[in-house]
Amino acid sequence: MADSADEDRREALRERATEYEEQRKQDPQQKPTLWERIEGSARGPRPALTHDQIARAAVEIADADGLNAVSMRHLAERLGVATMGLYRYVSGKDEVYELMLDAVAAEMSLPDAGWRAVADAYARQLRAASLRHPWMFQAFSRVPASLSPANVALMEKALNSIDGLGLDVDTMMAVFGTVNSFARGAVSAEVAQRESLQRHGWESQDDARLAYLPMVRWMLGTGRYPALSRYIIDGSNEDDAEWQFEFGLECVLDGISARLGI
């Protein structure tokens, strides 16, 4: 019964997709997607700018001043063109964000190896990229970055690394979705902690610890939280984000291996 219901749902989705595509073709207001336009531009006259130049300039602005600093005007100034000239290449800021996230994904390179080595490399490289470009998670919430060429290439290689192990495609995707969710969650907390230090003008975790000392003293003094108190007093890795990330990643990979027997 469940299989029949799933097939009915998929068939209804296919029909809707076909109808949507037909409507899109007949609507003169509709434009090709960003990536369709980029591929098409390779066959025409050579443009004054490339989309890679736009992406790199936008990434530099965001790295220095945050994602909100990436305006069409600011970007045009950085590239030495008129603001309206940028609209020959992108429809607006959301497409600039797509270019930026694709450029960051292109910095990542997965090994030709088994699924675990690929998953480990992906998680570590996502963390490194996110720390270099802390605006990434804000941009992820704005655009479908997972469908950009560089991101699709990463996922294709990831899925190929686990293909042939007897798993169905849903489970194959879920493996890397789980690794991705862990990596994003862990590094987003790390980025937030770094931003908190900067916002308060603290140079290190020791500065933060001193600022929170009155609250910590109160908590320890209540006697109601013995396990947490022990961690605060005896813990040696509370400030080691890399150790925490590696420990969590190993637990995730071990769990996947044990659950699926791979």
C-alpha atoms as a PDB file:
ATOM      1  CA  MET A   1       0.000   0.000   0.000  1.00  0.00           C
ATOM      2  CA  ALA A   2       2.795   2.397   0.889  1.00  0.00           C
ATOM      3  CA  ASP A   3       4.627   1.639  -2.381  1.00  0.00           C
ATOM      4  CA  SER A   4       1.453   2.323  -4.360  1.00  0.00           C
ATOM      5  CA  ALA A   5       0.885   5.606  -2.533  1.00  0.00           C
ATOM      6  CA  ASP A   6       4.488   6.648  -3.173  1.00  0.00           C
ATOM      7  CA  GLU A   7       4.167   5.860  -6.872  1.00  0.00           C
ATOM      8  CA  ASP A   8       0.902   7.838  -7.074  1.00  0.00           C
ATOM      9  CA  ARG A   9       2.646  10.791  -5.419  1.00  0.00           C
ATOM     10  CA  ARG A  10       5.576  10.589  -7.825  1.00  0.00           C
ATOM     11  CA  GLU A  11       3.266  10.377 -10.823  1.00  0.00           C
ATOM     12  CA  ALA A  12       1.310  13.422  -9.632  1.00  0.00           C
ATOM     13  CA  LEU A  13       4.593  15.303  -9.178  1.00  0.00           C
ATOM     14  CA  ARG A  14       5.728  14.354 -12.697  1.00  0.00           C
ATOM     15  CA  GLU A  15       2.450  15.649 -14.120  1.00  0.00           C
ATOM     16  CA  ARG A  16       2.796  18.919 -12.224  1.00  0.00           C
ATOM     17  CA  ALA A  17       6.393  19.286 -13.386  1.00  0.00           C
ATOM     18  CA  THR A  18       5.392  18.743 -17.009  1.00  0.00           C
ATOM     19  CA  GLU A  19       2.582  21.277 -16.707  1.00  0.00           C
ATOM     20  CA  TYR A  20       4.907  23.791 -15.050  1.00  0.00           C
ATOM     21  CA  GLU A  21       7.525  23.416 -17.798  1.00  0.00           C
ATOM     22  CA  GLU A  22       4.901  23.961 -20.510  1.00  0.00           C
ATOM     23  CA  GLN A  23       3.634  27.103 -18.783  1.00  0.00           C
ATOM     24  CA  ARG A  24       7.194  28.330 -18.352  1.00  0.00           C
ATOM     25  CA  LYS A  25       7.960  27.914 -22.054  1.00  0.00           C
ATOM     26  CA  GLN A  26       4.862  29.897 -23.038  1.00  0.00           C
ATOM     27  CA  ASP A  27       5.486  32.758 -20.595  1.00  0.00           C
ATOM     28  CA  PRO A  28       7.513  35.536 -22.289  1.00  0.00           C
ATOM     29  CA  GLN A  29       8.461  36.878 -18.841  1.00  0.00           C
ATOM     30  CA  GLN A  30      10.343  33.702 -17.955  1.00  0.00           C
ATOM     31  CA  LYS A  31      14.111  33.646 -18.383  1.00  0.00           C
ATOM     32  CA  PRO A  32      16.508  30.698 -18.513  1.00  0.00           C
ATOM     33  CA  THR A  33      18.120  29.871 -15.189  1.00  0.00           C
ATOM     34  CA  LEU A  34      21.451  31.406 -14.253  1.00  0.00           C
ATOM     35  CA  TRP A  35      23.362  28.243 -15.116  1.00  0.00           C
ATOM     36  CA  GLU A  36      21.554  27.836 -18.449  1.00  0.00           C
ATOM     37  CA  ARG A  37      22.473  31.402 -19.339  1.00  0.00           C
ATOM     38  CA  ILE A  38      26.119  30.870 -18.363  1.00  0.00           C
ATOM     39  CA  GLU A  39      26.388  27.790 -20.563  1.00  0.00           C
ATOM     40  CA  GLY A  40      24.707  29.642 -23.421  1.00  0.00           C
ATOM     41  CA  SER A  41      27.041  32.633 -23.093  1.00  0.00           C
ATOM     42  CA  ALA A  42      29.998  30.439 -24.011  1.00  0.00           C
ATOM     43  CA  ARG A  43      28.644  30.280 -27.562  1.00  0.00           C
ATOM     44  CA  GLY A  44      28.228  34.030 -28.043  1.00  0.00           C
ATOM     45  CA  PRO A  45      30.545  37.047 -28.177  1.00  0.00           C
ATOM     46  CA  ARG A  46      33.098  37.233 -25.392  1.00  0.00           C
ATOM     47  CA  PRO A  47      31.618  39.324 -22.546  1.00  0.00           C
ATOM     48  CA  ALA A  48      33.466  42.138 -20.799  1.00  0.00           C
ATOM     49  CA  LEU A  49      33.149  40.314 -17.471  1.00  0.00           C
ATOM     50  CA  THR A  50      32.980  36.660 -16.559  1.00  0.00           C
ATOM     51  CA  HIS A  51      30.678  35.186 -13.957  1.00  0.00           C
ATOM     52  CA  ASP A  52      33.765  33.867 -12.186  1.00  0.00           C
ATOM     53  CA  GLN A  53      35.090  37.435 -11.840  1.00  0.00           C
ATOM     54  CA  ILE A  54      31.748  38.518 -10.386  1.00  0.00           C
ATOM     55  CA  ALA A  55      31.751  35.593  -7.958  1.00  0.00           C
ATOM     56  CA  ARG A  56      35.304  36.217  -6.773  1.00  0.00           C
ATOM     57  CA  ALA A  57      34.739  39.928  -6.251  1.00  0.00           C
ATOM     58  CA  ALA A  58      31.550  39.255  -4.280  1.00  0.00           C
ATOM     59  CA  VAL A  59      33.309  36.631  -2.143  1.00  0.00           C
ATOM     60  CA  GLU A  60      36.078  39.118  -1.339  1.00  0.00           C
ATOM     61  CA  ILE A  61      33.524  41.711  -0.234  1.00  0.00           C
ATOM     62  CA  ALA A  62      31.631  39.221   1.928  1.00  0.00           C
ATOM     63  CA  ASP A  63      34.817  37.827   3.475  1.00  0.00           C
ATOM     64  CA  ALA A  64      35.876  41.333   4.479  1.00  0.00           C
ATOM     65  CA  ASP A  65      32.578  42.930   5.492  1.00  0.00           C
ATOM     66  CA  GLY A  66      29.855  40.278   5.620  1.00  0.00           C
ATOM     67  CA  LEU A  67      27.129  39.192   3.224  1.00  0.00           C
ATOM     68  CA  ASN A  68      25.054  42.337   3.734  1.00  0.00           C
ATOM     69  CA  ALA A  69      27.892  44.355   2.205  1.00  0.00           C
ATOM     70  CA  VAL A  70      27.388  42.582  -1.136  1.00  0.00           C
ATOM     71  CA  SER A  71      25.176  45.119  -2.894  1.00  0.00           C
ATOM     72  CA  MET A  72      24.964  45.522  -6.659  1.00  0.00           C
ATOM     73  CA  ARG A  73      26.451  49.016  -6.334  1.00  0.00           C
ATOM     74  CA  HIS A  74      29.355  47.908  -4.164  1.00  0.00           C
ATOM     75  CA  LEU A  75      30.046  44.941  -6.426  1.00  0.00           C
ATOM     76  CA  ALA A  76      29.988  47.124  -9.544  1.00  0.00           C
ATOM     77  CA  GLU A  77      32.456  49.532  -7.947  1.00  0.00           C
ATOM     78  CA  ARG A  78      34.786  46.645  -7.097  1.00  0.00           C
ATOM     79  CA  LEU A  79      34.627  45.403 -10.697  1.00  0.00           C
ATOM     80  CA  GLY A  80      34.945  48.872 -12.239  1.00  0.00           C
ATOM     81  CA  VAL A  81      31.659  48.784 -14.137  1.00  0.00           C
ATOM     82  CA  ALA A  82      28.347  50.624 -14.025  1.00  0.00           C
ATOM     83  CA  THR A  83      25.811  49.130 -11.637  1.00  0.00           C
ATOM     84  CA  MET A  84      23.284  48.560 -14.426  1.00  0.00           C
ATOM     85  CA  GLY A  85      25.983  46.770 -16.399  1.00  0.00           C
ATOM     86  CA  LEU A  86      25.936  43.935 -13.866  1.00  0.00           C
ATOM     87  CA  TYR A  87      22.348  43.124 -14.804  1.00  0.00           C
ATOM     88  CA  ARG A  88      23.618  41.813 -18.133  1.00  0.00           C
ATOM     89  CA  TYR A  89      25.038  38.899 -16.129  1.00  0.00           C
ATOM     90  CA  VAL A  90      22.778  38.432 -13.103  1.00  0.00           C
ATOM     91  CA  SER A  91      19.187  39.304 -12.324  1.00  0.00           C
ATOM     92  CA  GLY A  92      19.991  40.515  -8.817  1.00  0.00           C
ATOM     93  CA  LYS A  93      21.670  39.682  -5.526  1.00  0.00           C
ATOM     94  CA  ASP A  94      20.222  36.184  -5.206  1.00  0.00           C
ATOM     95  CA  GLU A  95      21.999  35.116  -8.378  1.00  0.00           C
ATOM     96  CA  VAL A  96      25.181  36.727  -7.066  1.00  0.00           C
ATOM     97  CA  TYR A  97      24.791  34.549  -3.956  1.00  0.00           C
ATOM     98  CA  GLU A  98      24.438  31.480  -6.183  1.00  0.00           C
ATOM     99  CA  LEU A  99      27.678  32.375  -7.937  1.00  0.00           C
ATOM    100  CA  MET A 100      29.437  32.921  -4.602  1.00  0.00           C
ATOM    101  CA  LEU A 101      28.375  29.601  -3.116  1.00  0.00           C
ATOM    102  CA  ASP A 102      29.304  27.777  -6.299  1.00  0.00           C
ATOM    103  CA  ALA A 103      32.751  29.399  -6.210  1.00  0.00           C
ATOM    104  CA  VAL A 104      33.224  28.234  -2.608  1.00  0.00           C
ATOM    105  CA  ALA A 105      32.094  24.704  -3.501  1.00  0.00           C
ATOM    106  CA  ALA A 106      34.642  24.708  -6.324  1.00  0.00           C
ATOM    107  CA  GLU A 107      37.361  25.130  -3.672  1.00  0.00           C
ATOM    108  CA  MET A 108      36.506  21.637  -2.396  1.00  0.00           C
ATOM    109  CA  SER A 109      37.933  18.494  -3.952  1.00  0.00           C
ATOM    110  CA  LEU A 110      36.889  14.991  -2.901  1.00  0.00           C
ATOM    111  CA  PRO A 111      39.291  12.047  -3.177  1.00  0.00           C
ATOM    112  CA  ASP A 112      38.834   9.007  -5.384  1.00  0.00           C
ATOM    113  CA  ALA A 113      38.175   6.684  -2.474  1.00  0.00           C
ATOM    114  CA  GLY A 114      35.526   4.761  -0.557  1.00  0.00           C
ATOM    115  CA  TRP A 115      32.466   6.362   0.970  1.00  0.00           C
ATOM    116  CA  ARG A 116      33.969   6.898   4.425  1.00  0.00           C
ATOM    117  CA  ALA A 117      37.069   8.691   3.167  1.00  0.00           C
ATOM    118  CA  VAL A 118      34.908  10.805   0.871  1.00  0.00           C
ATOM    119  CA  ALA A 119      32.453  11.662   3.660  1.00  0.00           C
ATOM    120  CA  ASP A 120      35.309  12.519   6.021  1.00  0.00           C
ATOM    121  CA  ALA A 121      36.960  14.765   3.404  1.00  0.00           C
ATOM    122  CA  TYR A 122      33.658  16.465   2.590  1.00  0.00           C
ATOM    123  CA  ALA A 123      32.884  17.256   6.238  1.00  0.00           C
ATOM    124  CA  ARG A 124      36.373  18.575   6.970  1.00  0.00           C
ATOM    125  CA  GLN A 125      36.504  20.677   3.812  1.00  0.00           C
ATOM    126  CA  LEU A 126      33.025  22.086   4.474  1.00  0.00           C
ATOM    127  CA  ARG A 127      34.196  23.151   7.926  1.00  0.00           C
ATOM    128  CA  ALA A 128      37.341  24.756   6.525  1.00  0.00           C
ATOM    129  CA  ALA A 129      35.401  26.583   3.804  1.00  0.00           C
ATOM    130  CA  SER A 130      32.812  27.810   6.305  1.00  0.00           C
ATOM    131  CA  LEU A 131      35.488  29.216   8.595  1.00  0.00           C
ATOM    132  CA  ARG A 132      37.123  30.998   5.641  1.00  0.00           C
ATOM    133  CA  HIS A 133      33.740  32.302   4.483  1.00  0.00           C
ATOM    134  CA  PRO A 134      31.531  32.690   7.581  1.00  0.00           C
ATOM    135  CA  TRP A 135      28.723  34.276   5.512  1.00  0.00           C
ATOM    136  CA  MET A 136      28.002  30.933   3.818  1.00  0.00           C
ATOM    137  CA  PHE A 137      25.168  29.843   6.085  1.00  0.00           C
ATOM    138  CA  GLN A 138      23.364  33.146   5.678  1.00  0.00           C
ATOM    139  CA  ALA A 139      23.617  32.759   1.900  1.00  0.00           C
ATOM    140  CA  PHE A 140      22.454  29.128   2.042  1.00  0.00           C
ATOM    141  CA  SER A 141      19.142  30.316   3.458  1.00  0.00           C
ATOM    142  CA  ARG A 142      18.582  32.584   0.451  1.00  0.00           C
ATOM    143  CA  VAL A 143      19.268  30.467  -2.639  1.00  0.00           C
ATOM    144  CA  PRO A 144      19.180  26.838  -3.911  1.00  0.00           C
ATOM    145  CA  ALA A 145      22.960  26.551  -3.825  1.00  0.00           C
ATOM    146  CA  SER A 146      22.883  22.740  -3.760  1.00  0.00           C
ATOM    147  CA  LEU A 147      21.846  22.805  -7.438  1.00  0.00           C
ATOM    148  CA  SER A 148      24.842  24.790  -8.667  1.00  0.00           C
ATOM    149  CA  PRO A 149      27.369  22.998 -10.921  1.00  0.00           C
ATOM    150  CA  ALA A 150      30.165  22.705  -8.353  1.00  0.00           C
ATOM    151  CA  ASN A 151      27.806  21.511  -5.611  1.00  0.00           C
ATOM    152  CA  VAL A 152      26.145  18.990  -7.918  1.00  0.00           C
ATOM    153  CA  ALA A 153      29.582  17.688  -8.934  1.00  0.00           C
ATOM    154  CA  LEU A 154      30.487  17.161  -5.267  1.00  0.00           C
ATOM    155  CA  MET A 155      27.289  15.257  -4.595  1.00  0.00           C
ATOM    156  CA  GLU A 156      27.729  13.148  -7.729  1.00  0.00           C
ATOM    157  CA  LYS A 157      31.190  12.095  -6.584  1.00  0.00           C
ATOM    158  CA  ALA A 158      29.921  11.416  -3.079  1.00  0.00           C
ATOM    159  CA  LEU A 159      27.112   9.180  -4.337  1.00  0.00           C
ATOM    160  CA  ASN A 160      29.456   7.329  -6.689  1.00  0.00           C
ATOM    161  CA  SER A 161      31.688   6.527  -3.715  1.00  0.00           C
ATOM    162  CA  ILE A 162      28.885   4.595  -2.010  1.00  0.00           C
ATOM    163  CA  ASP A 163      27.250   3.127  -5.101  1.00  0.00           C
ATOM    164  CA  GLY A 164      27.553  -0.620  -5.509  1.00  0.00           C
ATOM    165  CA  LEU A 165      27.321  -1.424  -1.792  1.00  0.00           C
ATOM    166  CA  GLY A 166      23.765  -2.715  -2.033  1.00  0.00           C
ATOM    167  CA  LEU A 167      22.037   0.412  -0.759  1.00  0.00           C
ATOM    168  CA  ASP A 168      18.992   1.980  -2.372  1.00  0.00           C
ATOM    169  CA  VAL A 169      19.329   5.528  -3.679  1.00  0.00           C
ATOM    170  CA  ASP A 170      17.364   7.041  -0.779  1.00  0.00           C
ATOM    171  CA  THR A 171      19.747   5.494   1.746  1.00  0.00           C
ATOM    172  CA  MET A 172      22.783   6.527  -0.306  1.00  0.00           C
ATOM    173  CA  MET A 173      21.612  10.134  -0.265  1.00  0.00           C
ATOM    174  CA  ALA A 174      20.666   9.925   3.425  1.00  0.00           C
ATOM    175  CA  VAL A 175      24.216   8.870   4.325  1.00  0.00           C
ATOM    176  CA  PHE A 176      25.693  12.048   2.923  1.00  0.00           C
ATOM    177  CA  GLY A 177      22.738  14.121   4.072  1.00  0.00           C
ATOM    178  CA  THR A 178      23.492  12.976   7.622  1.00  0.00           C
ATOM    179  CA  VAL A 179      27.176  13.863   7.307  1.00  0.00           C
ATOM    180  CA  ASN A 180      26.263  17.224   5.784  1.00  0.00           C
ATOM    181  CA  SER A 181      23.787  17.987   8.581  1.00  0.00           C
ATOM    182  CA  PHE A 182      26.367  17.201  11.250  1.00  0.00           C
ATOM    183  CA  ALA A 183      29.088  19.269   9.581  1.00  0.00           C
ATOM    184  CA  ARG A 184      26.835  22.273   9.008  1.00  0.00           C
ATOM    185  CA  GLY A 185      25.459  22.186  12.537  1.00  0.00           C
ATOM    186  CA  ALA A 186      28.859  21.864  14.163  1.00  0.00           C
ATOM    187  CA  VAL A 187      30.553  24.551  12.132  1.00  0.00           C
ATOM    188  CA  SER A 188      27.628  26.985  12.354  1.00  0.00           C
ATOM    189  CA  ALA A 189      27.982  26.869  16.143  1.00  0.00           C
ATOM    190  CA  GLU A 190      31.725  27.490  15.767  1.00  0.00           C
ATOM    191  CA  VAL A 191      31.134  30.433  13.435  1.00  0.00           C
ATOM    192  CA  ALA A 192      28.553  31.876  15.832  1.00  0.00           C
ATOM    193  CA  GLN A 193      31.021  31.602  18.706  1.00  0.00           C
ATOM    194  CA  ARG A 194      33.688  33.445  16.713  1.00  0.00           C
ATOM    195  CA  GLU A 195      31.218  36.165  15.766  1.00  0.00           C
ATOM    196  CA  SER A 196      30.207  36.528  19.415  1.00  0.00           C
ATOM    197  CA  LEU A 197      33.834  37.084  20.417  1.00  0.00           C
ATOM    198  CA  GLN A 198      34.225  39.736  17.715  1.00  0.00           C
ATOM    199  CA  ARG A 199      30.956  41.445  18.594  1.00  0.00           C
ATOM    200  CA  HIS A 200      31.952  41.805  22.248  1.00  0.00           C
ATOM    201  CA  GLY A 201      35.521  42.777  21.438  1.00  0.00           C
ATOM    202  CA  TRP A 202      36.935  39.692  23.184  1.00  0.00           C
ATOM    203  CA  GLU A 203      40.279  38.445  21.911  1.00  0.00           C
ATOM    204  CA  SER A 204      39.977  34.888  23.194  1.00  0.00           C
ATOM    205  CA  GLN A 205      37.796  32.395  25.019  1.00  0.00           C
ATOM    206  CA  ASP A 206      39.582  33.433  28.208  1.00  0.00           C
ATOM    207  CA  ASP A 207      38.081  36.920  27.819  1.00  0.00           C
ATOM    208  CA  ALA A 208      34.630  35.373  27.396  1.00  0.00           C
ATOM    209  CA  ARG A 209      35.198  33.143  30.407  1.00  0.00           C
ATOM    210  CA  LEU A 210      36.019  36.149  32.572  1.00  0.00           C
ATOM    211  CA  ALA A 211      32.906  37.975  31.350  1.00  0.00           C
ATOM    212  CA  TYR A 212      30.705  34.997  32.218  1.00  0.00           C
ATOM    213  CA  LEU A 213      32.436  34.329  35.541  1.00  0.00           C
ATOM    214  CA  PRO A 214      29.638  35.753  37.752  1.00  0.00           C
ATOM    215  CA  MET A 215      27.055  33.516  36.039  1.00  0.00           C
ATOM    216  CA  VAL A 216      29.309  30.460  36.245  1.00  0.00           C
ATOM    217  CA  ARG A 217      29.974  31.086  39.947  1.00  0.00           C
ATOM    218  CA  TRP A 218      26.244  31.288  40.563  1.00  0.00           C
ATOM    219  CA  MET A 219      25.632  28.019  38.703  1.00  0.00           C
ATOM    220  CA  LEU A 220      28.414  26.180  40.550  1.00  0.00           C
ATOM    221  CA  GLY A 221      27.199  27.580  43.843  1.00  0.00           C
ATOM    222  CA  THR A 222      23.680  26.218  43.464  1.00  0.00           C
ATOM    223  CA  GLY A 223      24.929  22.632  43.574  1.00  0.00           C
ATOM    224  CA  ARG A 224      22.097  21.642  41.238  1.00  0.00           C
ATOM    225  CA  TYR A 225      24.231  20.791  38.205  1.00  0.00           C
ATOM    226  CA  PRO A 226      26.984  18.401  39.333  1.00  0.00           C
ATOM    227  CA  ALA A 227      27.701  16.830  35.919  1.00  0.00           C
ATOM    228  CA  LEU A 228      27.997  20.184  34.158  1.00  0.00           C
ATOM    229  CA  SER A 229      30.037  21.574  37.041  1.00  0.00           C
ATOM    230  CA  ARG A 230      32.474  18.694  36.695  1.00  0.00           C
ATOM    231  CA  TYR A 231      32.854  19.439  32.994  1.00  0.00           C
ATOM    232  CA  ILE A 232      33.497  23.134  33.654  1.00  0.00           C
ATOM    233  CA  ILE A 233      36.139  22.351  36.289  1.00  0.00           C
ATOM    234  CA  ASP A 234      37.820  19.291  34.763  1.00  0.00           C
ATOM    235  CA  GLY A 235      37.097  19.508  31.026  1.00  0.00           C
ATOM    236  CA  SER A 236      40.160  20.003  28.837  1.00  0.00           C
ATOM    237  CA  ASN A 237      38.620  20.278  25.357  1.00  0.00           C
ATOM    238  CA  GLU A 238      35.773  22.743  25.863  1.00  0.00           C
ATOM    239  CA  ASP A 239      37.604  25.377  23.801  1.00  0.00           C
ATOM    240  CA  ASP A 240      38.994  22.962  21.192  1.00  0.00           C
ATOM    241  CA  ALA A 241      36.479  23.210  18.366  1.00  0.00           C
ATOM    242  CA  GLU A 242      38.594  21.054  16.064  1.00  0.00           C
ATOM    243  CA  TRP A 243      38.756  18.209  18.594  1.00  0.00           C
ATOM    244  CA  GLN A 244      35.000  18.406  19.149  1.00  0.00           C
ATOM    245  CA  PHE A 245      34.343  18.375  15.392  1.00  0.00           C
ATOM    246  CA  GLU A 246      36.613  15.385  14.770  1.00  0.00           C
ATOM    247  CA  PHE A 247      35.103  13.429  17.677  1.00  0.00           C
ATOM    248  CA  GLY A 248      31.564  14.103  16.469  1.00  0.00           C
ATOM    249  CA  LEU A 249      32.419  13.244  12.865  1.00  0.00           C
ATOM    250  CA  GLU A 250      33.974   9.925  13.868  1.00  0.00           C
ATOM    251  CA  CYS A 251      30.851   9.090  15.887  1.00  0.00           C
ATOM    252  CA  VAL A 252      28.611   9.883  12.899  1.00  0.00           C
ATOM    253  CA  LEU A 253      30.703   7.798  10.494  1.00  0.00           C
ATOM    254  CA  ASP A 254      30.965   4.915  12.964  1.00  0.00           C
ATOM    255  CA  GLY A 255      27.205   5.003  13.456  1.00  0.00           C
ATOM    256  CA  ILE A 256      26.494   4.918   9.706  1.00  0.00           C
ATOM    257  CA  SER A 257      28.935   2.051   9.242  1.00  0.00           C
ATOM    258  CA  ALA A 258      27.430   0.030  12.082  1.00  0.00           C
ATOM    259  CA  ARG A 259      23.814   0.704  11.050  1.00  0.00           C
ATOM    260  CA  LEU A 260      24.311  -0.186   7.379  1.00  0.00           C
ATOM    261  CA  GLY A 261      27.105  -2.731   7.643  1.00  0.00           C
ATOM    262  CA  ILE A 262      29.343  -0.846   5.204  1.00  0.00           C
END
